[in-house]
Amino acid sequence: MRFSTIFGLIAVAGLAAAAGLAGGGATDAAAKQTRRDCFHARNVNGFNPVGRDQVDVRVGANRRYRLELAGYCPDVDWSWRIALRTRGGSSWICHGLDAELIVPSPTGPQRCLVSSVRRLTPEEVQAARRSRR
């Protein structure tokens, strides 16, 4: 490989890293520091509504998070499917306002802003499982 090609690749990598810092890199750094309290949106593999303003999401095999919604979210309590969309340029969800739910409804998709995110304790997970039986 020629020197100019290597230099060009390094320059492109540097620009990509700088762009990453400007567009959500801070959120990525925060996610890495508190990885136990954050989750990557693509790792969500299920959900359970807890009324019209809360949803529990399953992440991986044994982590559960409670998403508090900013107000009433129509149809979330009976929907068979939802989409979780991140906001702000990062795929990590750590805090409220990092994500929104998109819930299908007869009048079109409803967008419901997530106002807070909290990891459930093992005791809360067991209690939720018992209440669904």
C-alpha atoms as a PDB file:
ATOM      1  CA  MET A   1       0.000   0.000   0.000  1.00  0.00           C
ATOM      2  CA  ARG A   2       1.357   3.400  -0.886  1.00  0.00           C
ATOM      3  CA  PHE A   3       1.998   6.092   1.728  1.00  0.00           C
ATOM      4  CA  SER A   4      -0.600   8.459   0.229  1.00  0.00           C
ATOM      5  CA  THR A   5      -3.264   5.728   0.450  1.00  0.00           C
ATOM      6  CA  ILE A   6      -2.448   4.995   4.100  1.00  0.00           C
ATOM      7  CA  PHE A   7      -2.472   8.715   4.919  1.00  0.00           C
ATOM      8  CA  GLY A   8      -5.842   9.076   3.148  1.00  0.00           C
ATOM      9  CA  LEU A   9      -7.331   6.219   5.182  1.00  0.00           C
ATOM     10  CA  ILE A  10      -6.063   7.744   8.425  1.00  0.00           C
ATOM     11  CA  ALA A  11      -7.543  11.127   7.477  1.00  0.00           C
ATOM     12  CA  VAL A  12     -10.927   9.541   6.668  1.00  0.00           C
ATOM     13  CA  ALA A  13     -10.881   7.627   9.960  1.00  0.00           C
ATOM     14  CA  GLY A  14     -10.086  10.843  11.831  1.00  0.00           C
ATOM     15  CA  LEU A  15     -12.968  12.680  10.162  1.00  0.00           C
ATOM     16  CA  ALA A  16     -15.350   9.817  10.948  1.00  0.00           C
ATOM     17  CA  ALA A  17     -14.280   9.855  14.597  1.00  0.00           C
ATOM     18  CA  ALA A  18     -14.783  13.616  14.809  1.00  0.00           C
ATOM     19  CA  ALA A  19     -18.225  13.291  13.240  1.00  0.00           C
ATOM     20  CA  GLY A  20     -19.088  10.569  15.737  1.00  0.00           C
ATOM     21  CA  LEU A  21     -18.184  12.863  18.629  1.00  0.00           C
ATOM     22  CA  ALA A  22     -20.324  15.638  17.230  1.00  0.00           C
ATOM     23  CA  GLY A  23     -23.347  13.416  16.504  1.00  0.00           C
ATOM     24  CA  GLY A  24     -24.065  11.428  19.638  1.00  0.00           C
ATOM     25  CA  GLY A  25     -20.553  10.458  20.668  1.00  0.00           C
ATOM     26  CA  ALA A  26     -21.142  11.983  24.087  1.00  0.00           C
ATOM     27  CA  THR A  27     -24.145   9.714  24.555  1.00  0.00           C
ATOM     28  CA  ASP A  28     -22.059   6.726  23.468  1.00  0.00           C
ATOM     29  CA  ALA A  29     -19.399   7.641  26.038  1.00  0.00           C
ATOM     30  CA  ALA A  30     -22.056   7.965  28.750  1.00  0.00           C
ATOM     31  CA  ALA A  31     -23.460   4.582  27.748  1.00  0.00           C
ATOM     32  CA  LYS A  32     -20.061   2.942  28.080  1.00  0.00           C
ATOM     33  CA  GLN A  33     -19.548   4.436  31.553  1.00  0.00           C
ATOM     34  CA  THR A  34     -22.903   3.197  32.849  1.00  0.00           C
ATOM     35  CA  ARG A  35     -23.433   0.208  30.598  1.00  0.00           C
ATOM     36  CA  ARG A  36     -25.493  -1.578  33.255  1.00  0.00           C
ATOM     37  CA  ASP A  37     -28.008   1.273  33.263  1.00  0.00           C
ATOM     38  CA  CYS A  38     -28.170   1.688  29.478  1.00  0.00           C
ATOM     39  CA  PHE A  39     -29.161  -0.622  26.678  1.00  0.00           C
ATOM     40  CA  HIS A  40     -28.757  -0.718  22.947  1.00  0.00           C
ATOM     41  CA  ALA A  41     -32.045  -0.386  21.068  1.00  0.00           C
ATOM     42  CA  ARG A  42     -31.331  -3.360  18.793  1.00  0.00           C
ATOM     43  CA  ASN A  43     -31.011  -5.673  21.824  1.00  0.00           C
ATOM     44  CA  VAL A  44     -34.667  -5.259  22.833  1.00  0.00           C
ATOM     45  CA  ASN A  45     -36.434  -8.559  22.253  1.00  0.00           C
ATOM     46  CA  GLY A  46     -39.842  -8.101  23.838  1.00  0.00           C
ATOM     47  CA  PHE A  47     -42.170  -5.837  25.743  1.00  0.00           C
ATOM     48  CA  ASN A  48     -45.048  -5.844  28.213  1.00  0.00           C
ATOM     49  CA  PRO A  49     -47.324  -2.849  28.678  1.00  0.00           C
ATOM     50  CA  VAL A  50     -47.876  -1.762  32.278  1.00  0.00           C
ATOM     51  CA  GLY A  51     -50.884   0.429  31.594  1.00  0.00           C
ATOM     52  CA  ARG A  52     -51.177   3.318  29.166  1.00  0.00           C
ATOM     53  CA  ASP A  53     -48.122   5.233  30.336  1.00  0.00           C
ATOM     54  CA  GLN A  54     -45.498   2.551  31.092  1.00  0.00           C
ATOM     55  CA  VAL A  55     -43.883  -0.282  29.159  1.00  0.00           C
ATOM     56  CA  ASP A  56     -41.403  -2.890  30.352  1.00  0.00           C
ATOM     57  CA  VAL A  57     -38.900  -3.980  27.710  1.00  0.00           C
ATOM     58  CA  ARG A  58     -36.810  -7.156  27.737  1.00  0.00           C
ATOM     59  CA  VAL A  59     -33.183  -6.731  26.765  1.00  0.00           C
ATOM     60  CA  GLY A  60     -31.187  -9.866  26.202  1.00  0.00           C
ATOM     61  CA  ALA A  61     -31.950 -12.886  28.359  1.00  0.00           C
ATOM     62  CA  ASN A  62     -32.370 -11.364  31.798  1.00  0.00           C
ATOM     63  CA  ARG A  63     -32.505  -7.567  31.831  1.00  0.00           C
ATOM     64  CA  ARG A  64     -35.740  -5.600  32.068  1.00  0.00           C
ATOM     65  CA  TYR A  65     -36.246  -1.850  31.879  1.00  0.00           C
ATOM     66  CA  ARG A  66     -39.309   0.231  32.681  1.00  0.00           C
ATOM     67  CA  LEU A  67     -39.991   3.001  30.196  1.00  0.00           C
ATOM     68  CA  GLU A  68     -42.191   5.772  31.563  1.00  0.00           C
ATOM     69  CA  LEU A  69     -44.038   7.566  28.803  1.00  0.00           C
ATOM     70  CA  ALA A  70     -44.707  11.289  28.692  1.00  0.00           C
ATOM     71  CA  GLY A  71     -48.449  11.084  29.190  1.00  0.00           C
ATOM     72  CA  TYR A  72     -51.076   8.782  27.809  1.00  0.00           C
ATOM     73  CA  CYS A  73     -50.023   6.607  24.865  1.00  0.00           C
ATOM     74  CA  PRO A  74     -53.068   5.405  22.912  1.00  0.00           C
ATOM     75  CA  ASP A  75     -53.249   1.669  22.187  1.00  0.00           C
ATOM     76  CA  VAL A  76     -49.947   0.733  23.863  1.00  0.00           C
ATOM     77  CA  ASP A  77     -51.768  -1.366  26.454  1.00  0.00           C
ATOM     78  CA  TRP A  78     -53.269  -3.744  23.878  1.00  0.00           C
ATOM     79  CA  SER A  79     -50.835  -3.600  20.951  1.00  0.00           C
ATOM     80  CA  TRP A  80     -49.169  -6.810  19.790  1.00  0.00           C
ATOM     81  CA  ARG A  81     -46.145  -4.944  18.524  1.00  0.00           C
ATOM     82  CA  ILE A  82     -44.348  -1.665  19.005  1.00  0.00           C
ATOM     83  CA  ALA A  83     -41.234  -0.040  17.613  1.00  0.00           C
ATOM     84  CA  LEU A  84     -38.607   1.621  19.748  1.00  0.00           C
ATOM     85  CA  ARG A  85     -36.896   4.523  17.985  1.00  0.00           C
ATOM     86  CA  THR A  86     -33.852   6.254  19.425  1.00  0.00           C
ATOM     87  CA  ARG A  87     -33.439  10.005  19.308  1.00  0.00           C
ATOM     88  CA  GLY A  88     -30.352  12.188  19.331  1.00  0.00           C
ATOM     89  CA  GLY A  89     -27.983  10.302  17.045  1.00  0.00           C
ATOM     90  CA  SER A  90     -27.073   7.354  19.270  1.00  0.00           C
ATOM     91  CA  SER A  91     -28.523   3.846  19.487  1.00  0.00           C
ATOM     92  CA  TRP A  92     -28.041   3.730  23.267  1.00  0.00           C
ATOM     93  CA  ILE A  93     -30.992   4.356  25.556  1.00  0.00           C
ATOM     94  CA  CYS A  94     -29.958   5.596  28.990  1.00  0.00           C
ATOM     95  CA  HIS A  95     -32.381   8.346  29.979  1.00  0.00           C
ATOM     96  CA  GLY A  96     -35.779   9.733  29.196  1.00  0.00           C
ATOM     97  CA  LEU A  97     -35.928  11.599  25.901  1.00  0.00           C
ATOM     98  CA  ASP A  98     -33.416   9.135  24.380  1.00  0.00           C
ATOM     99  CA  ALA A  99     -36.258   7.223  22.718  1.00  0.00           C
ATOM    100  CA  GLU A 100     -39.854   7.115  21.615  1.00  0.00           C
ATOM    101  CA  LEU A 101     -42.307   4.285  21.097  1.00  0.00           C
ATOM    102  CA  ILE A 102     -44.147   3.967  17.830  1.00  0.00           C
ATOM    103  CA  VAL A 103     -47.422   2.156  18.402  1.00  0.00           C
ATOM    104  CA  PRO A 104     -49.677   1.055  15.534  1.00  0.00           C
ATOM    105  CA  SER A 105     -53.267   2.212  15.789  1.00  0.00           C
ATOM    106  CA  PRO A 106     -56.329   2.312  13.536  1.00  0.00           C
ATOM    107  CA  THR A 107     -55.737   6.019  12.888  1.00  0.00           C
ATOM    108  CA  GLY A 108     -52.033   5.589  12.042  1.00  0.00           C
ATOM    109  CA  PRO A 109     -48.823   5.182  14.032  1.00  0.00           C
ATOM    110  CA  GLN A 110     -48.801   6.931  17.404  1.00  0.00           C
ATOM    111  CA  ARG A 111     -45.491   8.374  18.632  1.00  0.00           C
ATOM    112  CA  CYS A 112     -45.056   8.291  22.399  1.00  0.00           C
ATOM    113  CA  LEU A 113     -42.068  10.021  23.970  1.00  0.00           C
ATOM    114  CA  VAL A 114     -40.158   8.122  26.665  1.00  0.00           C
ATOM    115  CA  SER A 115     -39.759  10.395  29.695  1.00  0.00           C
ATOM    116  CA  SER A 116     -37.654   8.115  31.922  1.00  0.00           C
ATOM    117  CA  VAL A 117     -35.785   4.811  31.804  1.00  0.00           C
ATOM    118  CA  ARG A 118     -35.093   2.624  34.817  1.00  0.00           C
ATOM    119  CA  ARG A 119     -33.638  -0.852  35.101  1.00  0.00           C
ATOM    120  CA  LEU A 120     -35.880  -3.159  37.106  1.00  0.00           C
ATOM    121  CA  THR A 121     -34.501  -5.007  40.106  1.00  0.00           C
ATOM    122  CA  PRO A 122     -34.688  -8.827  40.136  1.00  0.00           C
ATOM    123  CA  GLU A 123     -37.488  -8.547  42.720  1.00  0.00           C
ATOM    124  CA  GLU A 124     -39.497  -6.240  40.447  1.00  0.00           C
ATOM    125  CA  VAL A 125     -39.013  -8.616  37.521  1.00  0.00           C
ATOM    126  CA  GLN A 126     -40.320 -11.556  39.595  1.00  0.00           C
ATOM    127  CA  ALA A 127     -43.306  -9.519  40.813  1.00  0.00           C
ATOM    128  CA  ALA A 128     -44.158  -8.520  37.227  1.00  0.00           C
ATOM    129  CA  ARG A 129     -43.978 -12.159  36.107  1.00  0.00           C
ATOM    130  CA  ARG A 130     -46.317 -13.225  38.916  1.00  0.00           C
ATOM    131  CA  SER A 131     -48.827 -10.493  38.088  1.00  0.00           C
ATOM    132  CA  ARG A 132     -49.042 -11.596  34.424  1.00  0.00           C
ATOM    133  CA  ARG A 133     -49.979 -15.168  35.275  1.00  0.00           C
END
